[in-house]
Amino acid sequence: MGKYTMIDKETCIACGTCGAAAPDIYDYDDEGIAFVKLDDNEGVIEVPEMLHEDMIDAFEGCPTESVKVAEEPFDGNANKFECPIVRAHSE
């Protein structure tokens, strides 16, 4: 199944975690706020399967939960889904 990603720019603190985990997916604007390079942060282009692991690493590593991941397009709305994908729990 396809996966889509988007950054909630309202909650991003420009920590750099997502870009470090998935540099082929995430980049930063002039203020250091992250965005998705694939579709200018609209969340409408499916992330290639070979990048899914990096995307999930970025999702799980984001301290503010600003990295969003879902199985449907976000259509430009980072909060479109109440709970798009549940974070993995560390044991």
PDB file of N, CA and C in Angstrom:
ATOM      1  N   MET A   1       0.845  -1.182   0.000  1.00  0.00           N
ATOM      2  CA  MET A   1       0.000   0.000   0.000  1.00  0.00           C
ATOM      3  C   MET A   1       0.888   1.242   0.000  1.00  0.00           C
ATOM      4  N   GLY A   2       0.454   2.282  -0.664  1.00  0.00           N
ATOM      5  CA  GLY A   2       1.213   3.519  -0.770  1.00  0.00           C
ATOM      6  C   GLY A   2       1.297   4.273   0.544  1.00  0.00           C
ATOM      7  N   LYS A   3       2.318   5.086   0.648  1.00  0.00           N
ATOM      8  CA  LYS A   3       2.502   5.934   1.827  1.00  0.00           C
ATOM      9  C   LYS A   3       2.755   7.364   1.359  1.00  0.00           C
ATOM     10  N   TYR A   4       2.217   8.299   2.107  1.00  0.00           N
ATOM     11  CA  TYR A   4       2.352   9.726   1.827  1.00  0.00           C
ATOM     12  C   TYR A   4       2.894  10.394   3.078  1.00  0.00           C
ATOM     13  N   THR A   5       3.596  11.500   2.894  1.00  0.00           N
ATOM     14  CA  THR A   5       4.144  12.206   4.048  1.00  0.00           C
ATOM     15  C   THR A   5       4.005  13.707   3.868  1.00  0.00           C
ATOM     16  N   MET A   6       3.980  14.381   4.989  1.00  0.00           N
ATOM     17  CA  MET A   6       3.843  15.831   5.013  1.00  0.00           C
ATOM     18  C   MET A   6       4.406  16.326   6.338  1.00  0.00           C
ATOM     19  N   ILE A   7       4.874  17.560   6.355  1.00  0.00           N
ATOM     20  CA  ILE A   7       5.354  18.188   7.585  1.00  0.00           C
ATOM     21  C   ILE A   7       4.318  19.195   8.060  1.00  0.00           C
ATOM     22  N   ASP A   8       3.981  19.135   9.343  1.00  0.00           N
ATOM     23  CA  ASP A   8       3.136  20.169   9.940  1.00  0.00           C
ATOM     24  C   ASP A   8       4.061  21.330  10.291  1.00  0.00           C
ATOM     25  N   LYS A   9       4.078  22.338   9.436  1.00  0.00           N
ATOM     26  CA  LYS A   9       4.991  23.470   9.603  1.00  0.00           C
ATOM     27  C   LYS A   9       4.654  24.319  10.825  1.00  0.00           C
ATOM     28  N   GLU A  10       3.448  24.188  11.345  1.00  0.00           N
ATOM     29  CA  GLU A  10       3.055  24.941  12.543  1.00  0.00           C
ATOM     30  C   GLU A  10       3.738  24.405  13.800  1.00  0.00           C
ATOM     31  N   THR A  11       4.086  23.117  13.794  1.00  0.00           N
ATOM     32  CA  THR A  11       4.680  22.519  14.986  1.00  0.00           C
ATOM     33  C   THR A  11       6.158  22.172  14.819  1.00  0.00           C
ATOM     34  N   CYS A  12       6.683  22.256  13.601  1.00  0.00           N
ATOM     35  CA  CYS A  12       8.093  21.949  13.340  1.00  0.00           C
ATOM     36  C   CYS A  12       8.987  22.945  14.081  1.00  0.00           C
ATOM     37  N   ILE A  13      10.014  22.429  14.763  1.00  0.00           N
ATOM     38  CA  ILE A  13      10.940  23.290  15.512  1.00  0.00           C
ATOM     39  C   ILE A  13      12.305  23.390  14.833  1.00  0.00           C
ATOM     40  N   ALA A  14      12.394  22.939  13.599  1.00  0.00           N
ATOM     41  CA  ALA A  14      13.628  23.043  12.806  1.00  0.00           C
ATOM     42  C   ALA A  14      14.807  22.328  13.462  1.00  0.00           C
ATOM     43  N   CYS A  15      14.564  21.140  14.002  1.00  0.00           N
ATOM     44  CA  CYS A  15      15.626  20.408  14.698  1.00  0.00           C
ATOM     45  C   CYS A  15      16.543  19.645  13.742  1.00  0.00           C
ATOM     46  N   GLY A  16      16.061  19.344  12.535  1.00  0.00           N
ATOM     47  CA  GLY A  16      16.879  18.655  11.548  1.00  0.00           C
ATOM     48  C   GLY A  16      16.810  17.147  11.573  1.00  0.00           C
ATOM     49  N   THR A  17      16.025  16.587  12.464  1.00  0.00           N
ATOM     50  CA  THR A  17      15.955  15.133  12.597  1.00  0.00           C
ATOM     51  C   THR A  17      15.432  14.456  11.334  1.00  0.00           C
ATOM     52  N   CYS A  18      14.386  14.986  10.738  1.00  0.00           N
ATOM     53  CA  CYS A  18      13.785  14.331   9.571  1.00  0.00           C
ATOM     54  C   CYS A  18      14.735  14.339   8.375  1.00  0.00           C
ATOM     55  N   GLY A  19      15.403  15.461   8.144  1.00  0.00           N
ATOM     56  CA  GLY A  19      16.343  15.550   7.032  1.00  0.00           C
ATOM     57  C   GLY A  19      17.545  14.649   7.212  1.00  0.00           C
ATOM     58  N   ALA A  20      17.961  14.449   8.454  1.00  0.00           N
ATOM     59  CA  ALA A  20      19.075  13.543   8.736  1.00  0.00           C
ATOM     60  C   ALA A  20      18.662  12.094   8.485  1.00  0.00           C
ATOM     61  N   ALA A  21      17.431  11.750   8.840  1.00  0.00           N
ATOM     62  CA  ALA A  21      16.937  10.380   8.673  1.00  0.00           C
ATOM     63  C   ALA A  21      16.556  10.072   7.230  1.00  0.00           C
ATOM     64  N   ALA A  22      16.033  11.072   6.529  1.00  0.00           N
ATOM     65  CA  ALA A  22      15.520  10.846   5.173  1.00  0.00           C
ATOM     66  C   ALA A  22      15.823  12.038   4.267  1.00  0.00           C
ATOM     67  N   PRO A  23      17.100  12.240   3.920  1.00  0.00           N
ATOM     68  CA  PRO A  23      17.476  13.405   3.116  1.00  0.00           C
ATOM     69  C   PRO A  23      16.903  13.410   1.700  1.00  0.00           C
ATOM     70  N   ASP A  24      16.485  12.248   1.203  1.00  0.00           N
ATOM     71  CA  ASP A  24      15.876  12.203  -0.128  1.00  0.00           C
ATOM     72  C   ASP A  24      14.414  12.627  -0.103  1.00  0.00           C
ATOM     73  N   ILE A  25      13.846  12.769   1.087  1.00  0.00           N
ATOM     74  CA  ILE A  25      12.435  13.138   1.221  1.00  0.00           C
ATOM     75  C   ILE A  25      12.268  14.545   1.776  1.00  0.00           C
ATOM     76  N   TYR A  26      13.021  14.873   2.827  1.00  0.00           N
ATOM     77  CA  TYR A  26      12.814  16.133   3.549  1.00  0.00           C
ATOM     78  C   TYR A  26      13.956  17.118   3.322  1.00  0.00           C
ATOM     79  N   ASP A  27      13.607  18.385   3.273  1.00  0.00           N
ATOM     80  CA  ASP A  27      14.579  19.471   3.164  1.00  0.00           C
ATOM     81  C   ASP A  27      14.087  20.599   4.062  1.00  0.00           C
ATOM     82  N   TYR A  28      14.762  21.736   4.031  1.00  0.00           N
ATOM     83  CA  TYR A  28      14.429  22.847   4.922  1.00  0.00           C
ATOM     84  C   TYR A  28      14.299  24.143   4.145  1.00  0.00           C
ATOM     85  N   ASP A  29      13.379  25.003   4.592  1.00  0.00           N
ATOM     86  CA  ASP A  29      13.235  26.315   3.967  1.00  0.00           C
ATOM     87  C   ASP A  29      14.279  27.268   4.556  1.00  0.00           C
ATOM     88  N   ASP A  30      14.218  28.530   4.180  1.00  0.00           N
ATOM     89  CA  ASP A  30      15.210  29.515   4.629  1.00  0.00           C
ATOM     90  C   ASP A  30      15.231  29.705   6.143  1.00  0.00           C
ATOM     91  N   GLU A  31      14.147  29.346   6.810  1.00  0.00           N
ATOM     92  CA  GLU A  31      14.066  29.487   8.269  1.00  0.00           C
ATOM     93  C   GLU A  31      14.379  28.180   8.994  1.00  0.00           C
ATOM     94  N   GLY A  32      14.741  27.151   8.240  1.00  0.00           N
ATOM     95  CA  GLY A  32      15.076  25.865   8.835  1.00  0.00           C
ATOM     96  C   GLY A  32      13.900  24.942   9.056  1.00  0.00           C
ATOM     97  N   ILE A  33      12.698  25.391   8.682  1.00  0.00           N
ATOM     98  CA  ILE A  33      11.497  24.562   8.843  1.00  0.00           C
ATOM     99  C   ILE A  33      11.486  23.499   7.742  1.00  0.00           C
ATOM    100  N   ALA A  34      11.201  22.271   8.129  1.00  0.00           N
ATOM    101  CA  ALA A  34      11.217  21.157   7.189  1.00  0.00           C
ATOM    102  C   ALA A  34      10.037  21.203   6.229  1.00  0.00           C
ATOM    103  N   PHE A  35      10.241  20.574   5.068  1.00  0.00           N
ATOM    104  CA  PHE A  35       9.166  20.357   4.108  1.00  0.00           C
ATOM    105  C   PHE A  35       9.498  19.121   3.286  1.00  0.00           C
ATOM    106  N   VAL A  36       8.481  18.559   2.630  1.00  0.00           N
ATOM    107  CA  VAL A  36       8.658  17.380   1.794  1.00  0.00           C
ATOM    108  C   VAL A  36       9.075  17.836   0.405  1.00  0.00           C
ATOM    109  N   LYS A  37      10.229  17.367  -0.049  1.00  0.00           N
ATOM    110  CA  LYS A  37      10.771  17.763  -1.348  1.00  0.00           C
ATOM    111  C   LYS A  37       9.975  17.191  -2.512  1.00  0.00           C
ATOM    112  N   LEU A  38       9.355  16.047  -2.319  1.00  0.00           N
ATOM    113  CA  LEU A  38       8.691  15.348  -3.419  1.00  0.00           C
ATOM    114  C   LEU A  38       7.546  16.138  -4.032  1.00  0.00           C
ATOM    115  N   ASP A  39       6.836  16.907  -3.227  1.00  0.00           N
ATOM    116  CA  ASP A  39       5.639  17.605  -3.711  1.00  0.00           C
ATOM    117  C   ASP A  39       5.446  18.964  -3.045  1.00  0.00           C
ATOM    118  N   ASP A  40       6.548  19.583  -2.637  1.00  0.00           N
ATOM    119  CA  ASP A  40       6.513  20.894  -1.984  1.00  0.00           C
ATOM    120  C   ASP A  40       5.587  20.897  -0.769  1.00  0.00           C
ATOM    121  N   ASN A  41       5.646  19.799  -0.015  1.00  0.00           N
ATOM    122  CA  ASN A  41       4.912  19.644   1.249  1.00  0.00           C
ATOM    123  C   ASN A  41       3.389  19.626   1.102  1.00  0.00           C
ATOM    124  N   GLU A  42       2.901  19.111  -0.009  1.00  0.00           N
ATOM    125  CA  GLU A  42       1.452  18.983  -0.186  1.00  0.00           C
ATOM    126  C   GLU A  42       0.932  17.616   0.257  1.00  0.00           C
ATOM    127  N   GLY A  43       1.813  16.630   0.358  1.00  0.00           N
ATOM    128  CA  GLY A  43       1.397  15.295   0.788  1.00  0.00           C
ATOM    129  C   GLY A  43       0.541  14.572  -0.226  1.00  0.00           C
ATOM    130  N   VAL A  44       0.801  14.811  -1.510  1.00  0.00           N
ATOM    131  CA  VAL A  44      -0.036  14.214  -2.550  1.00  0.00           C
ATOM    132  C   VAL A  44       0.710  13.234  -3.451  1.00  0.00           C
ATOM    133  N   ILE A  45       2.029  13.189  -3.349  1.00  0.00           N
ATOM    134  CA  ILE A  45       2.811  12.259  -4.162  1.00  0.00           C
ATOM    135  C   ILE A  45       3.254  11.099  -3.279  1.00  0.00           C
ATOM    136  N   GLU A  46       3.000   9.891  -3.770  1.00  0.00           N
ATOM    137  CA  GLU A  46       3.349   8.691  -3.022  1.00  0.00           C
ATOM    138  C   GLU A  46       4.868   8.598  -2.856  1.00  0.00           C
ATOM    139  N   VAL A  47       5.302   8.307  -1.648  1.00  0.00           N
ATOM    140  CA  VAL A  47       6.727   8.142  -1.368  1.00  0.00           C
ATOM    141  C   VAL A  47       7.174   6.809  -1.965  1.00  0.00           C
ATOM    142  N   PRO A  48       8.262   6.813  -2.752  1.00  0.00           N
ATOM    143  CA  PRO A  48       8.744   5.551  -3.323  1.00  0.00           C
ATOM    144  C   PRO A  48       9.023   4.519  -2.228  1.00  0.00           C
ATOM    145  N   GLU A  49       8.678   3.275  -2.519  1.00  0.00           N
ATOM    146  CA  GLU A  49       8.802   2.208  -1.523  1.00  0.00           C
ATOM    147  C   GLU A  49      10.218   2.088  -0.977  1.00  0.00           C
ATOM    148  N   MET A  50      11.220   2.337  -1.801  1.00  0.00           N
ATOM    149  CA  MET A  50      12.607   2.209  -1.342  1.00  0.00           C
ATOM    150  C   MET A  50      12.971   3.250  -0.281  1.00  0.00           C
ATOM    151  N   LEU A  51      12.122   4.277  -0.096  1.00  0.00           N
ATOM    152  CA  LEU A  51      12.364   5.314   0.905  1.00  0.00           C
ATOM    153  C   LEU A  51      11.472   5.181   2.140  1.00  0.00           C
ATOM    154  N   HIS A  52      10.613   4.164   2.167  1.00  0.00           N
ATOM    155  CA  HIS A  52       9.677   4.003   3.287  1.00  0.00           C
ATOM    156  C   HIS A  52      10.387   3.876   4.629  1.00  0.00           C
ATOM    157  N   GLU A  53      11.451   3.093   4.701  1.00  0.00           N
ATOM    158  CA  GLU A  53      12.137   2.894   5.980  1.00  0.00           C
ATOM    159  C   GLU A  53      12.707   4.215   6.502  1.00  0.00           C
ATOM    160  N   ASP A  54      13.319   5.003   5.619  1.00  0.00           N
ATOM    161  CA  ASP A  54      13.851   6.307   6.026  1.00  0.00           C
ATOM    162  C   ASP A  54      12.729   7.230   6.488  1.00  0.00           C
ATOM    163  N   MET A  55      11.603   7.195   5.770  1.00  0.00           N
ATOM    164  CA  MET A  55      10.461   8.032   6.132  1.00  0.00           C
ATOM    165  C   MET A  55       9.948   7.667   7.526  1.00  0.00           C
ATOM    166  N   ILE A  56       9.838   6.384   7.812  1.00  0.00           N
ATOM    167  CA  ILE A  56       9.363   5.939   9.122  1.00  0.00           C
ATOM    168  C   ILE A  56      10.375   6.316  10.206  1.00  0.00           C
ATOM    169  N   ASP A  57      11.665   6.236   9.898  1.00  0.00           N
ATOM    170  CA  ASP A  57      12.683   6.675  10.866  1.00  0.00           C
ATOM    171  C   ASP A  57      12.499   8.154  11.196  1.00  0.00           C
ATOM    172  N   ALA A  58      12.233   8.971  10.182  1.00  0.00           N
ATOM    173  CA  ALA A  58      12.004  10.409  10.402  1.00  0.00           C
ATOM    174  C   ALA A  58      10.739  10.624  11.220  1.00  0.00           C
ATOM    175  N   PHE A  59       9.690   9.896  10.892  1.00  0.00           N
ATOM    176  CA  PHE A  59       8.413   9.972  11.600  1.00  0.00           C
ATOM    177  C   PHE A  59       8.594   9.644  13.081  1.00  0.00           C
ATOM    178  N   GLU A  60       9.284   8.536  13.351  1.00  0.00           N
ATOM    179  CA  GLU A  60       9.469   8.097  14.734  1.00  0.00           C
ATOM    180  C   GLU A  60      10.439   8.988  15.502  1.00  0.00           C
ATOM    181  N   GLY A  61      11.368   9.637  14.800  1.00  0.00           N
ATOM    182  CA  GLY A  61      12.363  10.463  15.463  1.00  0.00           C
ATOM    183  C   GLY A  61      11.959  11.900  15.696  1.00  0.00           C
ATOM    184  N   CYS A  62      10.868  12.344  15.094  1.00  0.00           N
ATOM    185  CA  CYS A  62      10.462  13.745  15.217  1.00  0.00           C
ATOM    186  C   CYS A  62       9.978  14.040  16.641  1.00  0.00           C
ATOM    187  N   PRO A  63      10.650  14.956  17.344  1.00  0.00           N
ATOM    188  CA  PRO A  63      10.281  15.225  18.736  1.00  0.00           C
ATOM    189  C   PRO A  63       8.952  15.960  18.906  1.00  0.00           C
ATOM    190  N   THR A  64       8.442  16.570  17.836  1.00  0.00           N
ATOM    191  CA  THR A  64       7.182  17.314  17.944  1.00  0.00           C
ATOM    192  C   THR A  64       6.046  16.661  17.162  1.00  0.00           C
ATOM    193  N   GLU A  65       6.294  15.452  16.639  1.00  0.00           N
ATOM    194  CA  GLU A  65       5.307  14.736  15.825  1.00  0.00           C
ATOM    195  C   GLU A  65       4.852  15.566  14.628  1.00  0.00           C
ATOM    196  N   SER A  66       5.760  16.377  14.084  1.00  0.00           N
ATOM    197  CA  SER A  66       5.450  17.209  12.920  1.00  0.00           C
ATOM    198  C   SER A  66       5.522  16.430  11.617  1.00  0.00           C
ATOM    199  N   VAL A  67       6.258  15.319  11.610  1.00  0.00           N
ATOM    200  CA  VAL A  67       6.325  14.468  10.425  1.00  0.00           C
ATOM    201  C   VAL A  67       5.062  13.617  10.419  1.00  0.00           C
ATOM    202  N   LYS A  68       4.270  13.778   9.390  1.00  0.00           N
ATOM    203  CA  LYS A  68       3.022  13.027   9.261  1.00  0.00           C
ATOM    204  C   LYS A  68       3.188  11.976   8.173  1.00  0.00           C
ATOM    205  N   VAL A  69       2.621  10.797   8.385  1.00  0.00           N
ATOM    206  CA  VAL A  69       2.656   9.708   7.419  1.00  0.00           C
ATOM    207  C   VAL A  69       1.264   9.095   7.372  1.00  0.00           C
ATOM    208  N   ALA A  70       0.779   8.844   6.157  1.00  0.00           N
ATOM    209  CA  ALA A  70      -0.550   8.247   6.003  1.00  0.00           C
ATOM    210  C   ALA A  70      -0.575   7.353   4.772  1.00  0.00           C
ATOM    211  N   GLU A  71      -1.620   6.558   4.655  1.00  0.00           N
ATOM    212  CA  GLU A  71      -1.787   5.676   3.507  1.00  0.00           C
ATOM    213  C   GLU A  71      -2.651   6.310   2.429  1.00  0.00           C
ATOM    214  N   GLU A  72      -3.061   7.545   2.637  1.00  0.00           N
ATOM    215  CA  GLU A  72      -3.836   8.310   1.655  1.00  0.00           C
ATOM    216  C   GLU A  72      -3.218   9.696   1.542  1.00  0.00           C
ATOM    217  N   PRO A  73      -3.432  10.379   0.419  1.00  0.00           N
ATOM    218  CA  PRO A  73      -2.877  11.730   0.258  1.00  0.00           C
ATOM    219  C   PRO A  73      -3.419  12.711   1.300  1.00  0.00           C
ATOM    220  N   PHE A  74      -2.573  13.645   1.701  1.00  0.00           N
ATOM    221  CA  PHE A  74      -2.953  14.683   2.663  1.00  0.00           C
ATOM    222  C   PHE A  74      -3.669  15.852   1.993  1.00  0.00           C
ATOM    223  N   ASP A  75      -3.487  16.020   0.697  1.00  0.00           N
ATOM    224  CA  ASP A  75      -4.114  17.120  -0.047  1.00  0.00           C
ATOM    225  C   ASP A  75      -3.811  18.480   0.575  1.00  0.00           C
ATOM    226  N   GLY A  76      -2.561  18.657   1.039  1.00  0.00           N
ATOM    227  CA  GLY A  76      -2.145  19.944   1.578  1.00  0.00           C
ATOM    228  C   GLY A  76      -2.547  20.218   3.013  1.00  0.00           C
ATOM    229  N   ASN A  77      -3.202  19.262   3.679  1.00  0.00           N
ATOM    230  CA  ASN A  77      -3.669  19.460   5.053  1.00  0.00           C
ATOM    231  C   ASN A  77      -2.970  18.463   5.979  1.00  0.00           C
ATOM    232  N   ALA A  78      -1.969  18.929   6.715  1.00  0.00           N
ATOM    233  CA  ALA A  78      -1.192  18.045   7.594  1.00  0.00           C
ATOM    234  C   ALA A  78      -2.044  17.398   8.676  1.00  0.00           C
ATOM    235  N   ASN A  79      -3.174  17.995   8.994  1.00  0.00           N
ATOM    236  CA  ASN A  79      -4.047  17.460  10.043  1.00  0.00           C
ATOM    237  C   ASN A  79      -5.298  16.792   9.479  1.00  0.00           C
ATOM    238  N   LYS A  80      -5.224  16.361   8.221  1.00  0.00           N
ATOM    239  CA  LYS A  80      -6.373  15.728   7.573  1.00  0.00           C
ATOM    240  C   LYS A  80      -6.805  14.444   8.290  1.00  0.00           C
ATOM    241  N   PHE A  81      -5.850  13.721   8.820  1.00  0.00           N
ATOM    242  CA  PHE A  81      -6.150  12.456   9.481  1.00  0.00           C
ATOM    243  C   PHE A  81      -5.896  12.594  10.971  1.00  0.00           C
ATOM    244  N   GLU A  82      -6.852  12.140  11.779  1.00  0.00           N
ATOM    245  CA  GLU A  82      -6.715  12.258  13.237  1.00  0.00           C
ATOM    246  C   GLU A  82      -5.505  11.479  13.746  1.00  0.00           C
ATOM    247  N   CYS A  83      -5.336  10.271  13.267  1.00  0.00           N
ATOM    248  CA  CYS A  83      -4.212   9.427  13.685  1.00  0.00           C
ATOM    249  C   CYS A  83      -3.759   8.636  12.469  1.00  0.00           C
ATOM    250  N   PRO A  84      -3.003   9.268  11.550  1.00  0.00           N
ATOM    251  CA  PRO A  84      -2.663   8.623  10.292  1.00  0.00           C
ATOM    252  C   PRO A  84      -1.956   7.280  10.448  1.00  0.00           C
ATOM    253  N   ILE A  85      -0.871   7.243  11.165  1.00  0.00           N
ATOM    254  CA  ILE A  85      -0.135   6.005  11.402  1.00  0.00           C
ATOM    255  C   ILE A  85       0.333   6.045  12.848  1.00  0.00           C
ATOM    256  N   VAL A  86       0.113   4.963  13.563  1.00  0.00           N
ATOM    257  CA  VAL A  86       0.478   4.914  14.977  1.00  0.00           C
ATOM    258  C   VAL A  86       1.987   4.774  15.104  1.00  0.00           C
ATOM    259  N   ARG A  87       2.570   5.548  15.985  1.00  0.00           N
ATOM    260  CA  ARG A  87       4.012   5.473  16.226  1.00  0.00           C
ATOM    261  C   ARG A  87       4.369   4.120  16.838  1.00  0.00           C
ATOM    262  N   ALA A  88       5.522   3.608  16.446  1.00  0.00           N
ATOM    263  CA  ALA A  88       6.016   2.358  17.022  1.00  0.00           C
ATOM    264  C   ALA A  88       6.386   2.611  18.479  1.00  0.00           C
ATOM    265  N   HIS A  89       6.120   1.657  19.300  1.00  0.00           N
ATOM    266  CA  HIS A  89       6.444   1.786  20.724  1.00  0.00           C
ATOM    267  C   HIS A  89       7.763   1.086  21.006  1.00  0.00           C
ATOM    268  N   SER A  90       8.667   1.783  21.634  1.00  0.00           N
ATOM    269  CA  SER A  90       9.953   1.192  22.017  1.00  0.00           C
ATOM    270  C   SER A  90       9.750   0.311  23.236  1.00  0.00           C
ATOM    271  N   GLU A  91      10.434  -0.779  23.240  1.00  0.00           N
ATOM    272  CA  GLU A  91      10.342  -1.686  24.393  1.00  0.00           C
ATOM    273  C   GLU A  91      11.636  -1.703  25.144  1.00  0.00           C
TER     274      GLU A  91
END
